[in-house]
Amino acid sequence: MQPRNMSMSGVVDLAAVKAAQEAKTKAEQARAEAARHGGTGAVSPADLVIDVDEAGFESEVLQRSTEVPVVIDFWAEWCEPCKQLSPVLERLAVEYGGRFLLAKIDVDANQMLMQQFGVQGIPAVFAVVAGQALPLFQGAAGEAQIRQTLDQLVQVAEERFGLTGLVVDPEVQPGAARPAAEERPAGPHDAALEAAVRALDAGDLGGAVQSYKNVLAEDPGNTEAKLGLAQAELLQRVQDADPQKVRQDAADKPGDAQAQIAAADLDLVGGHVEDAFGRLIDTVRVTAGDDRDAVRVRLLELFEVVGADDPRVTAARRALARALF
């Protein structure tokens, strides 16, 4: 396991966008599987706080993080600040009613996990969402700060990853067996989609674009292929660009549709989502005809990259409608 940092400020990480879609799918499958077994997949309040070691990290943290945000409390018996922080986190885990799961890791017994997360001192609190790790805070924090951080985590997990948390039922016995999800049968396009991902990883953007287009030719509604194609085409457009020249052209020609489109692509790849959207919406306002339509189409393509459920996309769609009409 190699943790990856994920900024909650919303920087666009194309791998994270794909992970978000996969997490949503897995969460839906888990809920459907629980319903098929005649239950809700509910857990006991006592199951919201768990002790995790290296052997159980894969199943208890990484796999569970596709259903619910997992907050990790790195602690040790000799750590006095840990003795103040841990009870607060445990109480809040129950109070938040399943919107996050608290995993407690004893650093003395799990040195490898401590090193993999880059923990420099304890207490240290991280989160894992859809298999991606991000730091929350280090040291003893006040309850108000902790609540604010948890609220932000829960919001990001729901809005970006579709993770609505666990169902908590006091009537459920602690440690009750949860139905294991059955392995999803191979789909008709899985091989082509995997080939596209391998091409992306190898830097063969043209091959990835063609693979995604092949899937969409047979299955126009395939969400993964749409997302992958939007990502691959964006990377293909910017791979040979001179960032300094592109930005200078955009600054010199504020009403030039192609200059602003090229700059918006760079904005998005650099993680400046709202700048990219705002740039194109402003350009829609000052252009007409084919130029205006080209800007509108590119903006819709960038919406595909970020994801329809992202609140920044929702806000930009409203702004685009106002600019057009």
Protein backbone atom coordinates (compact mmCIF):
# COMPACT_ATOMS: atom_id res chain seq x y z
CA MET A 1 0.00 0.00 0.00
CA GLN A 2 1.37 3.37 -0.99
CA PRO A 3 -0.74 6.28 0.25
CA ARG A 4 -1.38 9.21 -2.07
CA ASN A 5 -2.13 12.68 -0.88
CA MET A 6 -5.37 14.19 -2.11
CA SER A 7 -6.04 17.88 -1.51
CA MET A 8 -9.48 18.66 -0.24
CA SER A 9 -9.25 22.05 -1.97
CA GLY A 10 -10.39 20.26 -5.09
CA VAL A 11 -7.31 20.25 -7.31
CA VAL A 12 -8.09 18.10 -10.33
CA ASP A 13 -6.11 14.89 -10.22
CA LEU A 14 -7.18 12.88 -13.26
CA ALA A 15 -6.46 9.63 -11.42
CA ALA A 16 -8.59 10.88 -8.54
CA VAL A 17 -11.47 11.64 -10.89
CA LYS A 18 -11.39 8.05 -12.11
CA ALA A 19 -11.14 6.80 -8.53
CA ALA A 20 -14.21 8.84 -7.66
CA GLN A 21 -16.25 7.15 -10.36
CA GLU A 22 -15.02 3.72 -9.28
CA ALA A 23 -15.81 4.50 -5.64
CA LYS A 24 -19.36 5.51 -6.53
CA THR A 25 -19.83 2.27 -8.44
CA LYS A 26 -18.45 0.16 -5.57
CA ALA A 27 -20.62 1.96 -3.02
CA GLU A 28 -23.71 1.33 -5.12
CA GLN A 29 -22.75 -2.33 -5.52
CA ALA A 30 -22.26 -2.70 -1.76
CA ARG A 31 -25.68 -1.18 -1.04
CA ALA A 32 -27.32 -3.38 -3.68
CA GLU A 33 -25.62 -6.48 -2.27
CA ALA A 34 -26.83 -5.68 1.24
CA ALA A 35 -30.37 -5.19 -0.05
CA ARG A 36 -30.19 -8.49 -1.95
CA HIS A 37 -29.37 -10.25 1.31
CA GLY A 38 -32.49 -8.75 2.84
CA GLY A 39 -30.77 -6.14 4.96
CA THR A 40 -29.42 -2.61 4.92
CA GLY A 41 -25.78 -3.41 5.65
CA ALA A 42 -26.23 -1.69 9.01
CA VAL A 43 -23.51 -1.73 11.64
CA SER A 44 -23.53 -1.34 15.40
CA PRO A 45 -22.36 2.00 16.89
CA ALA A 46 -19.53 -0.02 18.48
CA ASP A 47 -18.29 -0.95 15.01
CA LEU A 48 -17.60 2.69 14.10
CA VAL A 49 -14.30 2.57 16.00
CA ILE A 50 -11.90 -0.22 15.07
CA ASP A 51 -8.31 -1.20 15.84
CA VAL A 52 -6.32 -1.84 12.68
CA ASP A 53 -2.92 -3.46 12.11
CA GLU A 54 -0.80 -4.02 9.01
CA ALA A 55 -2.42 -7.37 8.25
CA GLY A 56 -5.93 -5.92 8.27
CA PHE A 57 -5.19 -2.57 6.62
CA GLU A 58 -6.17 -3.66 3.12
CA SER A 59 -9.61 -4.96 4.10
CA GLU A 60 -10.44 -2.69 7.04
CA VAL A 61 -9.22 0.61 5.61
CA LEU A 62 -8.61 0.53 1.85
CA GLN A 63 -11.63 -1.60 0.95
CA ARG A 64 -13.93 0.07 3.47
CA SER A 65 -12.90 3.51 2.15
CA THR A 66 -14.93 2.81 -1.00
CA GLU A 67 -18.04 2.79 1.22
CA VAL A 68 -17.26 5.38 3.89
CA PRO A 69 -14.45 7.86 4.70
CA VAL A 70 -11.98 6.20 7.06
CA VAL A 71 -10.28 8.49 9.58
CA ILE A 72 -6.99 7.09 10.90
CA ASP A 73 -5.76 7.92 14.39
CA PHE A 74 -2.04 7.15 14.76
CA TRP A 75 -1.36 6.80 18.49
CA ALA A 76 0.83 5.10 21.11
CA GLU A 77 0.33 4.13 24.75
CA TRP A 78 3.13 6.44 25.93
CA CYS A 79 1.76 9.48 24.05
CA GLU A 80 -0.01 11.81 26.49
CA PRO A 81 -1.62 14.08 23.82
CA CYS A 82 -2.97 10.90 22.19
CA LYS A 83 -4.83 10.13 25.41
CA GLN A 84 -6.60 13.48 25.09
CA LEU A 85 -7.33 13.30 21.36
CA SER A 86 -8.38 9.67 20.91
CA PRO A 87 -11.45 9.80 23.19
CA VAL A 88 -12.69 12.89 21.34
CA LEU A 89 -12.36 11.17 17.98
CA GLU A 90 -14.09 8.05 19.30
CA ARG A 91 -16.98 10.09 20.67
CA LEU A 92 -17.35 12.03 17.41
CA ALA A 93 -17.29 8.82 15.36
CA VAL A 94 -20.42 7.68 17.19
CA GLU A 95 -21.98 11.16 17.16
CA TYR A 96 -21.51 11.49 13.38
CA GLY A 97 -23.61 8.34 13.01
CA GLY A 98 -21.69 6.44 10.35
CA ARG A 99 -20.58 9.35 8.19
CA PHE A 100 -17.01 8.24 8.87
CA LEU A 101 -15.25 5.20 10.34
CA LEU A 102 -12.45 5.65 12.87
CA ALA A 103 -9.45 3.33 12.52
CA LYS A 104 -6.94 3.38 15.40
CA ILE A 105 -3.36 2.37 14.59
CA ASP A 106 -0.77 1.77 17.33
CA VAL A 107 2.48 3.07 15.81
CA ASP A 108 4.68 0.94 18.08
CA ALA A 109 3.13 -2.23 16.67
CA ASN A 110 2.74 -0.97 13.08
CA GLN A 111 5.93 0.84 12.15
CA MET A 112 5.54 0.10 8.44
CA LEU A 113 2.19 1.89 8.23
CA MET A 114 3.62 4.83 10.13
CA GLN A 115 6.47 5.08 7.59
CA GLN A 116 4.22 4.67 4.57
CA PHE A 117 2.04 7.57 5.69
CA GLY A 118 5.10 9.68 6.46
CA VAL A 119 4.06 10.23 10.06
CA GLN A 120 6.64 12.49 11.75
CA GLY A 121 5.05 12.66 15.18
CA ILE A 122 1.94 11.63 17.05
CA PRO A 123 -0.89 12.06 17.46
CA ALA A 124 -1.37 12.27 13.70
CA VAL A 125 -4.72 12.01 11.96
CA PHE A 126 -5.20 11.03 8.32
CA ALA A 127 -8.17 10.00 6.20
CA VAL A 128 -8.55 7.53 3.37
CA VAL A 129 -11.29 8.19 0.81
CA ALA A 130 -11.79 5.85 -2.16
CA GLY A 131 -8.35 4.38 -1.55
CA GLN A 132 -6.61 7.76 -1.46
CA ALA A 133 -4.86 9.06 1.64
CA LEU A 134 -4.82 12.65 2.82
CA PRO A 135 -3.47 14.28 5.99
CA LEU A 136 -5.99 15.96 8.28
CA PHE A 137 -3.96 17.33 11.21
CA GLN A 138 -1.10 16.53 13.57
CA GLY A 139 -0.92 17.10 17.30
CA ALA A 140 -3.69 17.67 19.81
CA ALA A 141 -6.41 19.81 18.21
CA GLY A 142 -9.42 21.51 19.72
CA GLU A 143 -12.82 19.94 19.24
CA ALA A 144 -14.09 22.87 17.15
CA GLN A 145 -11.19 22.44 14.72
CA ILE A 146 -11.72 18.68 14.60
CA ARG A 147 -15.42 19.10 13.83
CA GLN A 148 -14.67 21.58 11.07
CA THR A 149 -12.17 19.19 9.50
CA LEU A 150 -14.55 16.24 9.74
CA ASP A 151 -17.41 18.26 8.25
CA GLN A 152 -15.22 19.14 5.28
CA LEU A 153 -14.12 15.53 4.88
CA VAL A 154 -17.70 14.25 4.94
CA GLN A 155 -18.77 16.88 2.40
CA VAL A 156 -15.94 16.05 -0.01
CA ALA A 157 -16.57 12.31 0.34
CA GLU A 158 -20.25 12.73 -0.53
CA GLU A 159 -19.99 15.36 -3.26
CA ARG A 160 -16.88 14.07 -5.04
CA PHE A 161 -17.09 10.33 -4.36
CA GLY A 162 -20.75 9.59 -3.64
CA LEU A 163 -19.91 8.11 -0.22
CA THR A 164 -22.91 8.65 2.04
CA GLY A 165 -21.53 6.60 4.94
CA LEU A 166 -22.74 3.60 6.89
CA VAL A 167 -26.19 2.82 8.22
CA VAL A 168 -26.02 2.56 12.02
CA ASP A 169 -28.54 0.46 13.94
CA PRO A 170 -28.25 0.06 17.74
CA GLU A 171 -30.09 -3.25 17.42
CA VAL A 172 -27.29 -4.78 15.35
CA GLN A 173 -24.83 -6.86 17.34
CA PRO A 174 -21.25 -5.53 17.33
CA GLY A 175 -19.08 -7.40 14.87
CA ALA A 176 -22.06 -8.89 13.01
CA ALA A 177 -21.00 -10.40 9.71
CA ARG A 178 -21.41 -8.14 6.73
CA PRO A 179 -22.37 -9.78 3.42
CA ALA A 180 -19.37 -10.03 1.14
CA ALA A 181 -19.89 -8.48 -2.26
CA GLU A 182 -19.75 -10.96 -5.08
CA GLU A 183 -17.14 -10.37 -7.73
CA ARG A 184 -18.62 -8.46 -10.65
CA PRO A 185 -18.74 -10.54 -13.84
CA ALA A 186 -16.49 -9.30 -16.61
CA GLY A 187 -18.29 -6.81 -18.82
CA PRO A 188 -18.18 -6.84 -22.63
CA HIS A 189 -15.89 -3.79 -22.73
CA ASP A 190 -13.62 -4.49 -19.76
CA ALA A 191 -10.70 -5.65 -21.92
CA ALA A 192 -10.88 -2.53 -24.10
CA LEU A 193 -11.15 -0.24 -21.08
CA GLU A 194 -8.15 -1.91 -19.42
CA ALA A 195 -6.19 -1.52 -22.66
CA ALA A 196 -7.04 2.19 -22.67
CA VAL A 197 -5.80 2.58 -19.09
CA ARG A 198 -2.56 0.76 -19.95
CA ALA A 199 -2.09 3.07 -22.93
CA LEU A 200 -2.61 6.11 -20.69
CA ASP A 201 -0.08 4.80 -18.18
CA ALA A 202 2.41 4.25 -21.00
CA GLY A 203 1.92 7.75 -22.38
CA ASP A 204 0.25 6.47 -25.55
CA LEU A 205 -2.50 9.07 -25.57
CA GLY A 206 -3.52 8.38 -29.16
CA GLY A 207 -3.98 4.70 -28.39
CA ALA A 208 -6.02 5.49 -25.28
CA VAL A 209 -8.26 7.91 -27.22
CA GLN A 210 -8.91 5.29 -29.90
CA SER A 211 -9.66 2.56 -27.35
CA TYR A 212 -12.21 4.73 -25.56
CA LYS A 213 -13.80 5.72 -28.88
CA ASN A 214 -14.09 2.05 -29.82
CA VAL A 215 -16.02 1.36 -26.62
CA LEU A 216 -18.31 4.35 -27.14
CA ALA A 217 -19.02 3.31 -30.72
CA GLU A 218 -20.63 0.14 -29.33
CA ASP A 219 -21.88 1.55 -26.02
CA PRO A 220 -22.48 5.34 -26.31
CA GLY A 221 -23.62 5.59 -22.69
CA ASN A 222 -20.55 3.96 -21.11
CA THR A 223 -19.66 6.33 -18.26
CA GLU A 224 -16.11 5.08 -17.76
CA ALA A 225 -15.30 5.42 -21.46
CA LYS A 226 -16.75 8.95 -21.59
CA LEU A 227 -14.67 10.03 -18.61
CA GLY A 228 -11.54 8.32 -19.91
CA LEU A 229 -11.92 9.84 -23.37
CA ALA A 230 -12.34 13.34 -21.93
CA GLN A 231 -9.21 12.89 -19.82
CA ALA A 232 -7.12 11.42 -22.64
CA GLU A 233 -8.13 14.10 -25.11
CA LEU A 234 -7.33 16.84 -22.61
CA LEU A 235 -3.86 15.42 -21.97
CA GLN A 236 -3.34 14.99 -25.71
CA ARG A 237 -4.16 18.66 -26.34
CA VAL A 238 -1.70 19.98 -23.77
CA GLN A 239 1.19 17.52 -24.12
CA ASP A 240 3.11 19.65 -26.66
CA ALA A 241 1.91 23.07 -25.53
CA ASP A 242 4.31 25.81 -24.45
CA PRO A 243 2.64 27.00 -21.23
CA GLN A 244 4.34 30.39 -21.24
CA LYS A 245 3.31 31.12 -24.84
CA VAL A 246 -0.23 29.86 -24.31
CA ARG A 247 -0.73 32.10 -21.28
CA GLN A 248 0.85 35.09 -22.96
CA ASP A 249 -1.45 34.67 -25.98
CA ALA A 250 -4.46 34.46 -23.68
CA ALA A 251 -3.40 37.62 -21.85
CA ASP A 252 -2.78 39.50 -25.12
CA LYS A 253 -6.00 38.35 -26.81
CA PRO A 254 -8.82 38.31 -24.22
CA GLY A 255 -11.47 37.99 -26.93
CA ASP A 256 -9.72 35.27 -28.96
CA ALA A 257 -11.66 32.03 -28.59
CA GLN A 258 -8.83 29.64 -29.45
CA ALA A 259 -6.34 31.42 -27.18
CA GLN A 260 -8.72 31.23 -24.23
CA ILE A 261 -9.61 27.59 -24.97
CA ALA A 262 -5.92 26.60 -24.94
CA ALA A 263 -5.36 28.47 -21.66
CA ALA A 264 -8.41 26.85 -20.08
CA ASP A 265 -7.02 23.40 -20.89
CA LEU A 266 -3.81 24.31 -19.06
CA ASP A 267 -5.82 25.76 -16.16
CA LEU A 268 -7.68 22.48 -15.72
CA VAL A 269 -4.63 20.23 -15.97
CA GLY A 270 -2.97 22.45 -13.37
CA GLY A 271 -5.90 21.98 -11.00
CA HIS A 272 -7.37 25.49 -11.42
CA VAL A 273 -10.89 24.27 -12.09
CA GLU A 274 -12.82 27.44 -11.39
CA ASP A 275 -10.29 29.53 -13.35
CA ALA A 276 -10.75 27.27 -16.39
CA PHE A 277 -14.53 27.43 -16.18
CA GLY A 278 -14.60 31.16 -15.49
CA ARG A 279 -12.24 31.90 -18.39
CA LEU A 280 -14.47 30.11 -20.89
CA ILE A 281 -17.71 31.54 -19.53
CA ASP A 282 -16.25 35.04 -19.81
CA THR A 283 -15.21 34.24 -23.38
CA VAL A 284 -18.74 33.07 -24.23
CA ARG A 285 -19.97 36.51 -23.18
CA VAL A 286 -17.68 38.37 -25.59
CA THR A 287 -17.80 36.08 -28.64
CA ALA A 288 -20.44 35.12 -31.18
CA GLY A 289 -21.16 32.59 -33.91
CA ASP A 290 -18.74 29.72 -34.46
CA ASP A 291 -16.22 31.09 -31.96
CA ARG A 292 -18.81 31.18 -29.22
CA ASP A 293 -19.99 27.69 -30.03
CA ALA A 294 -16.42 26.35 -29.98
CA VAL A 295 -15.92 27.81 -26.49
CA ARG A 296 -19.22 26.35 -25.29
CA VAL A 297 -18.35 22.89 -26.61
CA ARG A 298 -14.92 22.93 -24.96
CA LEU A 299 -16.48 23.96 -21.66
CA LEU A 300 -18.87 21.01 -21.85
CA GLU A 301 -15.90 18.72 -22.53
CA LEU A 302 -14.13 20.04 -19.44
CA PHE A 303 -17.29 19.38 -17.42
CA GLU A 304 -16.92 15.72 -18.45
CA VAL A 305 -13.36 15.63 -17.10
CA VAL A 306 -14.30 17.03 -13.69
CA GLY A 307 -17.56 15.08 -13.36
CA ALA A 308 -21.21 16.04 -13.50
CA ASP A 309 -21.68 15.65 -9.72
CA ASP A 310 -18.95 18.15 -8.83
CA PRO A 311 -20.51 21.32 -7.32
CA ARG A 312 -18.15 23.48 -9.38
CA VAL A 313 -19.64 21.97 -12.54
CA THR A 314 -23.16 22.64 -11.29
CA ALA A 315 -22.30 26.28 -10.58
CA ALA A 316 -20.55 26.70 -13.94
CA ARG A 317 -23.53 25.23 -15.81
CA ARG A 318 -25.76 27.87 -14.26
CA ALA A 319 -23.26 30.62 -15.14
CA LEU A 320 -23.02 29.32 -18.71
CA ALA A 321 -26.80 29.39 -19.08
CA ARG A 322 -26.85 33.01 -17.92
CA ALA A 323 -24.07 33.90 -20.36
CA LEU A 324 -25.86 32.25 -23.27
CA PHE A 325 -29.35 33.52 -22.60
